[in-house]
Amino acid sequence: MSEQIVEDLEDLEQPSAEGELVHWMEPKPIRVGPAGVSAAAAGAFALGVTATVVALALLHWLGPQRIILVSRRAERL
């Protein structure tokens, strides 16, 4: 705890509007160059392709069992 003692309630007022309230809460500027943007786009595309292939593989694997019926004529050949 702080050892500072507040003697008047006026000392607890809100800070003035001209100064910064907290400087560490300001968002930092984004520093991503063209290579970073390209890498992010390529990574997102690869992730989307991978997710699609996995989803299609699961649908195929979990899908209904298909029974192939062979006619008698096809059996003779």
PDB file of N, CA and C in Angstrom:
ATOM      1  N   MET A   1       0.827  -1.171   0.000  1.00  0.00           N
ATOM      2  CA  MET A   1       0.000   0.000   0.000  1.00  0.00           C
ATOM      3  C   MET A   1       0.875   1.240   0.000  1.00  0.00           C
ATOM      4  N   SER A   2       0.272   2.273  -0.457  1.00  0.00           N
ATOM      5  CA  SER A   2       0.996   3.531  -0.526  1.00  0.00           C
ATOM      6  C   SER A   2       1.016   4.182   0.850  1.00  0.00           C
ATOM      7  N   GLU A   3       2.088   4.849   1.114  1.00  0.00           N
ATOM      8  CA  GLU A   3       2.204   5.549   2.388  1.00  0.00           C
ATOM      9  C   GLU A   3       1.665   6.967   2.280  1.00  0.00           C
ATOM     10  N   GLN A   4       1.213   7.327   1.084  1.00  0.00           N
ATOM     11  CA  GLN A   4       0.688   8.673   0.891  1.00  0.00           C
ATOM     12  C   GLN A   4      -0.710   8.745   1.499  1.00  0.00           C
ATOM     13  N   ILE A   5      -0.956   9.761   2.258  1.00  0.00           N
ATOM     14  CA  ILE A   5      -2.246   9.936   2.911  1.00  0.00           C
ATOM     15  C   ILE A   5      -2.978  11.081   2.232  1.00  0.00           C
ATOM     16  N   VAL A   6      -4.230  10.836   1.870  1.00  0.00           N
ATOM     17  CA  VAL A   6      -5.046  11.863   1.247  1.00  0.00           C
ATOM     18  C   VAL A   6      -5.782  12.586   2.365  1.00  0.00           C
ATOM     19  N   GLU A   7      -5.540  13.880   2.485  1.00  0.00           N
ATOM     20  CA  GLU A   7      -6.150  14.639   3.572  1.00  0.00           C
ATOM     21  C   GLU A   7      -7.445  15.296   3.145  1.00  0.00           C
ATOM     22  N   ASP A   8      -7.552  15.642   1.884  1.00  0.00           N
ATOM     23  CA  ASP A   8      -8.771  16.282   1.411  1.00  0.00           C
ATOM     24  C   ASP A   8      -9.402  15.426   0.328  1.00  0.00           C
ATOM     25  N   LEU A   9     -10.715  15.441   0.273  1.00  0.00           N
ATOM     26  CA  LEU A   9     -11.402  14.713  -0.783  1.00  0.00           C
ATOM     27  C   LEU A   9     -11.206  15.360  -2.147  1.00  0.00           C
ATOM     28  N   GLU A  10     -10.814  16.624  -2.147  1.00  0.00           N
ATOM     29  CA  GLU A  10     -10.564  17.302  -3.411  1.00  0.00           C
ATOM     30  C   GLU A  10      -9.365  16.703  -4.140  1.00  0.00           C
ATOM     31  N   ASP A  11      -8.473  16.082  -3.412  1.00  0.00           N
ATOM     32  CA  ASP A  11      -7.303  15.462  -4.036  1.00  0.00           C
ATOM     33  C   ASP A  11      -7.677  14.208  -4.828  1.00  0.00           C
ATOM     34  N   LEU A  12      -8.865  13.677  -4.590  1.00  0.00           N
ATOM     35  CA  LEU A  12      -9.285  12.456  -5.270  1.00  0.00           C
ATOM     36  C   LEU A  12     -10.055  12.729  -6.560  1.00  0.00           C
ATOM     37  N   GLU A  13     -10.104  13.964  -7.004  1.00  0.00           N
ATOM     38  CA  GLU A  13     -10.844  14.290  -8.215  1.00  0.00           C
ATOM     39  C   GLU A  13     -10.208  13.633  -9.434  1.00  0.00           C
ATOM     40  N   GLN A  14     -10.976  13.619 -10.503  1.00  0.00           N
ATOM     41  CA  GLN A  14     -10.488  13.048 -11.760  1.00  0.00           C
ATOM     42  C   GLN A  14      -9.329  13.881 -12.295  1.00  0.00           C
ATOM     43  N   PRO A  15      -8.395  13.254 -13.001  1.00  0.00           N
ATOM     44  CA  PRO A  15      -7.275  14.019 -13.556  1.00  0.00           C
ATOM     45  C   PRO A  15      -7.764  14.956 -14.657  1.00  0.00           C
ATOM     46  N   SER A  16      -7.003  15.974 -14.910  1.00  0.00           N
ATOM     47  CA  SER A  16      -7.403  16.959 -15.912  1.00  0.00           C
ATOM     48  C   SER A  16      -7.358  16.335 -17.310  1.00  0.00           C
ATOM     49  N   ALA A  17      -8.123  16.897 -18.229  1.00  0.00           N
ATOM     50  CA  ALA A  17      -8.266  16.327 -19.566  1.00  0.00           C
ATOM     51  C   ALA A  17      -7.048  16.579 -20.443  1.00  0.00           C
ATOM     52  N   GLU A  18      -6.185  17.515 -20.098  1.00  0.00           N
ATOM     53  CA  GLU A  18      -5.073  17.833 -20.991  1.00  0.00           C
ATOM     54  C   GLU A  18      -3.918  16.844 -20.894  1.00  0.00           C
ATOM     55  N   GLY A  19      -3.835  16.079 -19.830  1.00  0.00           N
ATOM     56  CA  GLY A  19      -2.732  15.135 -19.685  1.00  0.00           C
ATOM     57  C   GLY A  19      -3.155  13.718 -20.019  1.00  0.00           C
ATOM     58  N   GLU A  20      -2.155  12.844 -20.159  1.00  0.00           N
ATOM     59  CA  GLU A  20      -2.446  11.434 -20.439  1.00  0.00           C
ATOM     60  C   GLU A  20      -2.918  10.754 -19.162  1.00  0.00           C
ATOM     61  N   LEU A  21      -3.893   9.893 -19.307  1.00  0.00           N
ATOM     62  CA  LEU A  21      -4.365   9.148 -18.151  1.00  0.00           C
ATOM     63  C   LEU A  21      -3.383   8.016 -17.858  1.00  0.00           C
ATOM     64  N   VAL A  22      -3.200   7.157 -18.823  1.00  0.00           N
ATOM     65  CA  VAL A  22      -2.207   6.093 -18.715  1.00  0.00           C
ATOM     66  C   VAL A  22      -1.570   5.932 -20.086  1.00  0.00           C
ATOM     67  N   HIS A  23      -0.303   6.120 -20.173  1.00  0.00           N
ATOM     68  CA  HIS A  23       0.364   6.046 -21.466  1.00  0.00           C
ATOM     69  C   HIS A  23       0.567   4.611 -21.930  1.00  0.00           C
ATOM     70  N   TRP A  24       0.605   3.649 -21.042  1.00  0.00           N
ATOM     71  CA  TRP A  24       0.876   2.266 -21.441  1.00  0.00           C
ATOM     72  C   TRP A  24      -0.332   1.589 -22.064  1.00  0.00           C
ATOM     73  N   MET A  25      -1.509   2.201 -22.015  1.00  0.00           N
ATOM     74  CA  MET A  25      -2.693   1.599 -22.617  1.00  0.00           C
ATOM     75  C   MET A  25      -2.903   2.046 -24.061  1.00  0.00           C
ATOM     76  N   GLU A  26      -2.076   2.942 -24.554  1.00  0.00           N
ATOM     77  CA  GLU A  26      -2.214   3.380 -25.930  1.00  0.00           C
ATOM     78  C   GLU A  26      -1.835   2.234 -26.867  1.00  0.00           C
ATOM     79  N   PRO A  27      -2.591   2.042 -27.948  1.00  0.00           N
ATOM     80  CA  PRO A  27      -2.230   0.980 -28.881  1.00  0.00           C
ATOM     81  C   PRO A  27      -0.929   1.314 -29.605  1.00  0.00           C
ATOM     82  N   LYS A  28      -0.102   0.300 -29.765  1.00  0.00           N
ATOM     83  CA  LYS A  28       1.162   0.511 -30.454  1.00  0.00           C
ATOM     84  C   LYS A  28       0.922   0.465 -31.957  1.00  0.00           C
ATOM     85  N   PRO A  29       1.676   1.228 -32.703  1.00  0.00           N
ATOM     86  CA  PRO A  29       1.484   1.197 -34.157  1.00  0.00           C
ATOM     87  C   PRO A  29       1.902  -0.154 -34.723  1.00  0.00           C
ATOM     88  N   ILE A  30       1.182  -0.582 -35.748  1.00  0.00           N
ATOM     89  CA  ILE A  30       1.489  -1.866 -36.377  1.00  0.00           C
ATOM     90  C   ILE A  30       2.683  -1.673 -37.303  1.00  0.00           C
ATOM     91  N   ARG A  31       3.676  -2.512 -37.143  1.00  0.00           N
ATOM     92  CA  ARG A  31       4.877  -2.422 -37.971  1.00  0.00           C
ATOM     93  C   ARG A  31       5.040  -3.718 -38.752  1.00  0.00           C
ATOM     94  N   VAL A  32       4.244  -3.847 -39.788  1.00  0.00           N
ATOM     95  CA  VAL A  32       4.317  -5.031 -40.645  1.00  0.00           C
ATOM     96  C   VAL A  32       4.560  -4.543 -42.061  1.00  0.00           C
ATOM     97  N   GLY A  33       5.616  -5.023 -42.663  1.00  0.00           N
ATOM     98  CA  GLY A  33       5.933  -4.627 -44.021  1.00  0.00           C
ATOM     99  C   GLY A  33       5.193  -5.478 -45.035  1.00  0.00           C
ATOM    100  N   PRO A  34       5.499  -5.274 -46.308  1.00  0.00           N
ATOM    101  CA  PRO A  34       4.852  -6.054 -47.364  1.00  0.00           C
ATOM    102  C   PRO A  34       5.113  -7.559 -47.242  1.00  0.00           C
ATOM    103  N   ALA A  35       6.286  -7.924 -46.784  1.00  0.00           N
ATOM    104  CA  ALA A  35       6.596  -9.349 -46.615  1.00  0.00           C
ATOM    105  C   ALA A  35       5.734  -9.972 -45.524  1.00  0.00           C
ATOM    106  N   GLY A  36       5.490  -9.230 -44.462  1.00  0.00           N
ATOM    107  CA  GLY A  36       4.643  -9.731 -43.376  1.00  0.00           C
ATOM    108  C   GLY A  36       3.200  -9.902 -43.807  1.00  0.00           C
ATOM    109  N   VAL A  37       2.702  -8.948 -44.594  1.00  0.00           N
ATOM    110  CA  VAL A  37       1.329  -9.045 -45.094  1.00  0.00           C
ATOM    111  C   VAL A  37       1.203 -10.227 -46.042  1.00  0.00           C
ATOM    112  N   SER A  38       2.203 -10.421 -46.910  1.00  0.00           N
ATOM    113  CA  SER A  38       2.182 -11.554 -47.842  1.00  0.00           C
ATOM    114  C   SER A  38       2.252 -12.886 -47.098  1.00  0.00           C
ATOM    115  N   ALA A  39       3.082 -12.947 -46.081  1.00  0.00           N
ATOM    116  CA  ALA A  39       3.196 -14.176 -45.292  1.00  0.00           C
ATOM    117  C   ALA A  39       1.899 -14.479 -44.559  1.00  0.00           C
ATOM    118  N   ALA A  40       1.253 -13.451 -44.032  1.00  0.00           N
ATOM    119  CA  ALA A  40      -0.016 -13.658 -43.332  1.00  0.00           C
ATOM    120  C   ALA A  40      -1.094 -14.138 -44.295  1.00  0.00           C
ATOM    121  N   ALA A  41      -1.139 -13.563 -45.494  1.00  0.00           N
ATOM    122  CA  ALA A  41      -2.130 -13.982 -46.491  1.00  0.00           C
ATOM    123  C   ALA A  41      -1.868 -15.419 -46.938  1.00  0.00           C
ATOM    124  N   ALA A  42      -0.605 -15.764 -47.169  1.00  0.00           N
ATOM    125  CA  ALA A  42      -0.267 -17.128 -47.586  1.00  0.00           C
ATOM    126  C   ALA A  42      -0.579 -18.125 -46.471  1.00  0.00           C
ATOM    127  N   GLY A  43      -0.295 -17.758 -45.245  1.00  0.00           N
ATOM    128  CA  GLY A  43      -0.601 -18.631 -44.113  1.00  0.00           C
ATOM    129  C   GLY A  43      -2.091 -18.847 -43.943  1.00  0.00           C
ATOM    130  N   ALA A  44      -2.870 -17.785 -44.107  1.00  0.00           N
ATOM    131  CA  ALA A  44      -4.327 -17.918 -43.999  1.00  0.00           C
ATOM    132  C   ALA A  44      -4.878 -18.789 -45.118  1.00  0.00           C
ATOM    133  N   PHE A  45      -4.346 -18.629 -46.317  1.00  0.00           N
ATOM    134  CA  PHE A  45      -4.786 -19.457 -47.437  1.00  0.00           C
ATOM    135  C   PHE A  45      -4.447 -20.926 -47.194  1.00  0.00           C
ATOM    136  N   ALA A  46      -3.223 -21.196 -46.746  1.00  0.00           N
ATOM    137  CA  ALA A  46      -2.808 -22.572 -46.472  1.00  0.00           C
ATOM    138  C   ALA A  46      -3.656 -23.186 -45.354  1.00  0.00           C
ATOM    139  N   LEU A  47      -3.964 -22.405 -44.339  1.00  0.00           N
ATOM    140  CA  LEU A  47      -4.810 -22.900 -43.249  1.00  0.00           C
ATOM    141  C   LEU A  47      -6.209 -23.227 -43.757  1.00  0.00           C
ATOM    142  N   GLY A  48      -6.746 -22.387 -44.631  1.00  0.00           N
ATOM    143  CA  GLY A  48      -8.068 -22.644 -45.205  1.00  0.00           C
ATOM    144  C   GLY A  48      -8.091 -23.886 -46.078  1.00  0.00           C
ATOM    145  N   VAL A  49      -7.062 -24.054 -46.892  1.00  0.00           N
ATOM    146  CA  VAL A  49      -6.985 -25.248 -47.739  1.00  0.00           C
ATOM    147  C   VAL A  49      -6.866 -26.500 -46.881  1.00  0.00           C
ATOM    148  N   THR A  50      -6.032 -26.453 -45.871  1.00  0.00           N
ATOM    149  CA  THR A  50      -5.859 -27.605 -44.984  1.00  0.00           C
ATOM    150  C   THR A  50      -7.164 -27.940 -44.260  1.00  0.00           C
ATOM    151  N   ALA A  51      -7.868 -26.941 -43.767  1.00  0.00           N
ATOM    152  CA  ALA A  51      -9.135 -27.179 -43.079  1.00  0.00           C
ATOM    153  C   ALA A  51     -10.170 -27.782 -44.023  1.00  0.00           C
ATOM    154  N   THR A  52     -10.187 -27.319 -45.272  1.00  0.00           N
ATOM    155  CA  THR A  52     -11.134 -27.857 -46.247  1.00  0.00           C
ATOM    156  C   THR A  52     -10.824 -29.306 -46.571  1.00  0.00           C
ATOM    157  N   VAL A  53      -9.561 -29.625 -46.788  1.00  0.00           N
ATOM    158  CA  VAL A  53      -9.178 -31.004 -47.096  1.00  0.00           C
ATOM    159  C   VAL A  53      -9.490 -31.924 -45.919  1.00  0.00           C
ATOM    160  N   VAL A  54      -9.227 -31.474 -44.710  1.00  0.00           N
ATOM    161  CA  VAL A  54      -9.523 -32.292 -43.526  1.00  0.00           C
ATOM    162  C   VAL A  54     -11.030 -32.502 -43.396  1.00  0.00           C
ATOM    163  N   ALA A  55     -11.812 -31.466 -43.630  1.00  0.00           N
ATOM    164  CA  ALA A  55     -13.271 -31.601 -43.529  1.00  0.00           C
ATOM    165  C   ALA A  55     -13.808 -32.562 -44.586  1.00  0.00           C
ATOM    166  N   LEU A  56     -13.305 -32.465 -45.793  1.00  0.00           N
ATOM    167  CA  LEU A  56     -13.756 -33.394 -46.846  1.00  0.00           C
ATOM    168  C   LEU A  56     -13.333 -34.826 -46.552  1.00  0.00           C
ATOM    169  N   ALA A  57     -12.131 -35.005 -46.016  1.00  0.00           N
ATOM    170  CA  ALA A  57     -11.673 -36.355 -45.660  1.00  0.00           C
ATOM    171  C   ALA A  57     -12.538 -36.938 -44.543  1.00  0.00           C
ATOM    172  N   LEU A  58     -12.890 -36.128 -43.553  1.00  0.00           N
ATOM    173  CA  LEU A  58     -13.747 -36.621 -42.473  1.00  0.00           C
ATOM    174  C   LEU A  58     -15.141 -36.956 -42.983  1.00  0.00           C
ATOM    175  N   LEU A  59     -15.670 -36.136 -43.878  1.00  0.00           N
ATOM    176  CA  LEU A  59     -16.984 -36.435 -44.445  1.00  0.00           C
ATOM    177  C   LEU A  59     -16.961 -37.742 -45.235  1.00  0.00           C
ATOM    178  N   HIS A  60     -15.888 -37.961 -45.948  1.00  0.00           N
ATOM    179  CA  HIS A  60     -15.773 -39.203 -46.711  1.00  0.00           C
ATOM    180  C   HIS A  60     -15.608 -40.404 -45.777  1.00  0.00           C
ATOM    181  N   TRP A  61     -14.789 -40.251 -44.751  1.00  0.00           N
ATOM    182  CA  TRP A  61     -14.513 -41.350 -43.832  1.00  0.00           C
ATOM    183  C   TRP A  61     -15.730 -41.665 -42.965  1.00  0.00           C
ATOM    184  N   LEU A  62     -16.467 -40.645 -42.547  1.00  0.00           N
ATOM    185  CA  LEU A  62     -17.619 -40.847 -41.682  1.00  0.00           C
ATOM    186  C   LEU A  62     -18.917 -41.040 -42.457  1.00  0.00           C
ATOM    187  N   GLY A  63     -18.852 -40.946 -43.780  1.00  0.00           N
ATOM    188  CA  GLY A  63     -20.049 -41.070 -44.603  1.00  0.00           C
ATOM    189  C   GLY A  63     -20.600 -42.489 -44.602  1.00  0.00           C
ATOM    190  N   PRO A  64     -21.742 -42.670 -45.242  1.00  0.00           N
ATOM    191  CA  PRO A  64     -22.352 -44.001 -45.271  1.00  0.00           C
ATOM    192  C   PRO A  64     -21.504 -44.990 -46.077  1.00  0.00           C
ATOM    193  N   GLN A  65     -21.586 -46.255 -45.669  1.00  0.00           N
ATOM    194  CA  GLN A  65     -20.871 -47.307 -46.391  1.00  0.00           C
ATOM    195  C   GLN A  65     -21.564 -47.543 -47.717  1.00  0.00           C
ATOM    196  N   ARG A  66     -20.815 -47.554 -48.776  1.00  0.00           N
ATOM    197  CA  ARG A  66     -21.381 -47.797 -50.094  1.00  0.00           C
ATOM    198  C   ARG A  66     -21.063 -49.228 -50.509  1.00  0.00           C
ATOM    199  N   ILE A  67     -22.085 -49.941 -50.931  1.00  0.00           N
ATOM    200  CA  ILE A  67     -21.905 -51.316 -51.393  1.00  0.00           C
ATOM    201  C   ILE A  67     -21.994 -51.296 -52.914  1.00  0.00           C
ATOM    202  N   ILE A  68     -20.964 -51.821 -53.544  1.00  0.00           N
ATOM    203  CA  ILE A  68     -20.936 -51.850 -54.995  1.00  0.00           C
ATOM    204  C   ILE A  68     -21.588 -53.153 -55.453  1.00  0.00           C
ATOM    205  N   LEU A  69     -22.654 -53.017 -56.190  1.00  0.00           N
ATOM    206  CA  LEU A  69     -23.351 -54.183 -56.717  1.00  0.00           C
ATOM    207  C   LEU A  69     -22.808 -54.484 -58.114  1.00  0.00           C
ATOM    208  N   VAL A  70     -22.421 -55.717 -58.299  1.00  0.00           N
ATOM    209  CA  VAL A  70     -21.880 -56.134 -59.601  1.00  0.00           C
ATOM    210  C   VAL A  70     -22.911 -57.067 -60.228  1.00  0.00           C
ATOM    211  N   SER A  71     -23.265 -56.766 -61.451  1.00  0.00           N
ATOM    212  CA  SER A  71     -24.246 -57.614 -62.138  1.00  0.00           C
ATOM    213  C   SER A  71     -23.597 -58.942 -62.532  1.00  0.00           C
ATOM    214  N   ARG A  72     -24.413 -59.941 -62.842  1.00  0.00           N
ATOM    215  CA  ARG A  72     -23.887 -61.254 -63.197  1.00  0.00           C
ATOM    216  C   ARG A  72     -23.104 -61.211 -64.497  1.00  0.00           C
ATOM    217  N   ARG A  73     -23.513 -60.341 -65.397  1.00  0.00           N
ATOM    218  CA  ARG A  73     -22.781 -60.231 -66.649  1.00  0.00           C
ATOM    219  C   ARG A  73     -21.374 -59.700 -66.418  1.00  0.00           C
ATOM    220  N   ALA A  74     -21.217 -58.736 -65.530  1.00  0.00           N
ATOM    221  CA  ALA A  74     -19.909 -58.173 -65.249  1.00  0.00           C
ATOM    222  C   ALA A  74     -19.015 -59.193 -64.538  1.00  0.00           C
ATOM    223  N   GLU A  75     -19.642 -60.117 -63.784  1.00  0.00           N
ATOM    224  CA  GLU A  75     -18.849 -61.147 -63.104  1.00  0.00           C
ATOM    225  C   GLU A  75     -18.243 -62.119 -64.094  1.00  0.00           C
ATOM    226  N   ARG A  76     -18.943 -62.407 -65.187  1.00  0.00           N
ATOM    227  CA  ARG A  76     -18.440 -63.366 -66.178  1.00  0.00           C
ATOM    228  C   ARG A  76     -17.265 -62.806 -66.943  1.00  0.00           C
ATOM    229  N   LEU A  77     -17.237 -61.503 -67.086  1.00  0.00           N
ATOM    230  CA  LEU A  77     -16.168 -60.911 -67.883  1.00  0.00           C
ATOM    231  C   LEU A  77     -14.967 -60.770 -67.029  1.00  0.00           C
TER     232      LEU A  77
END
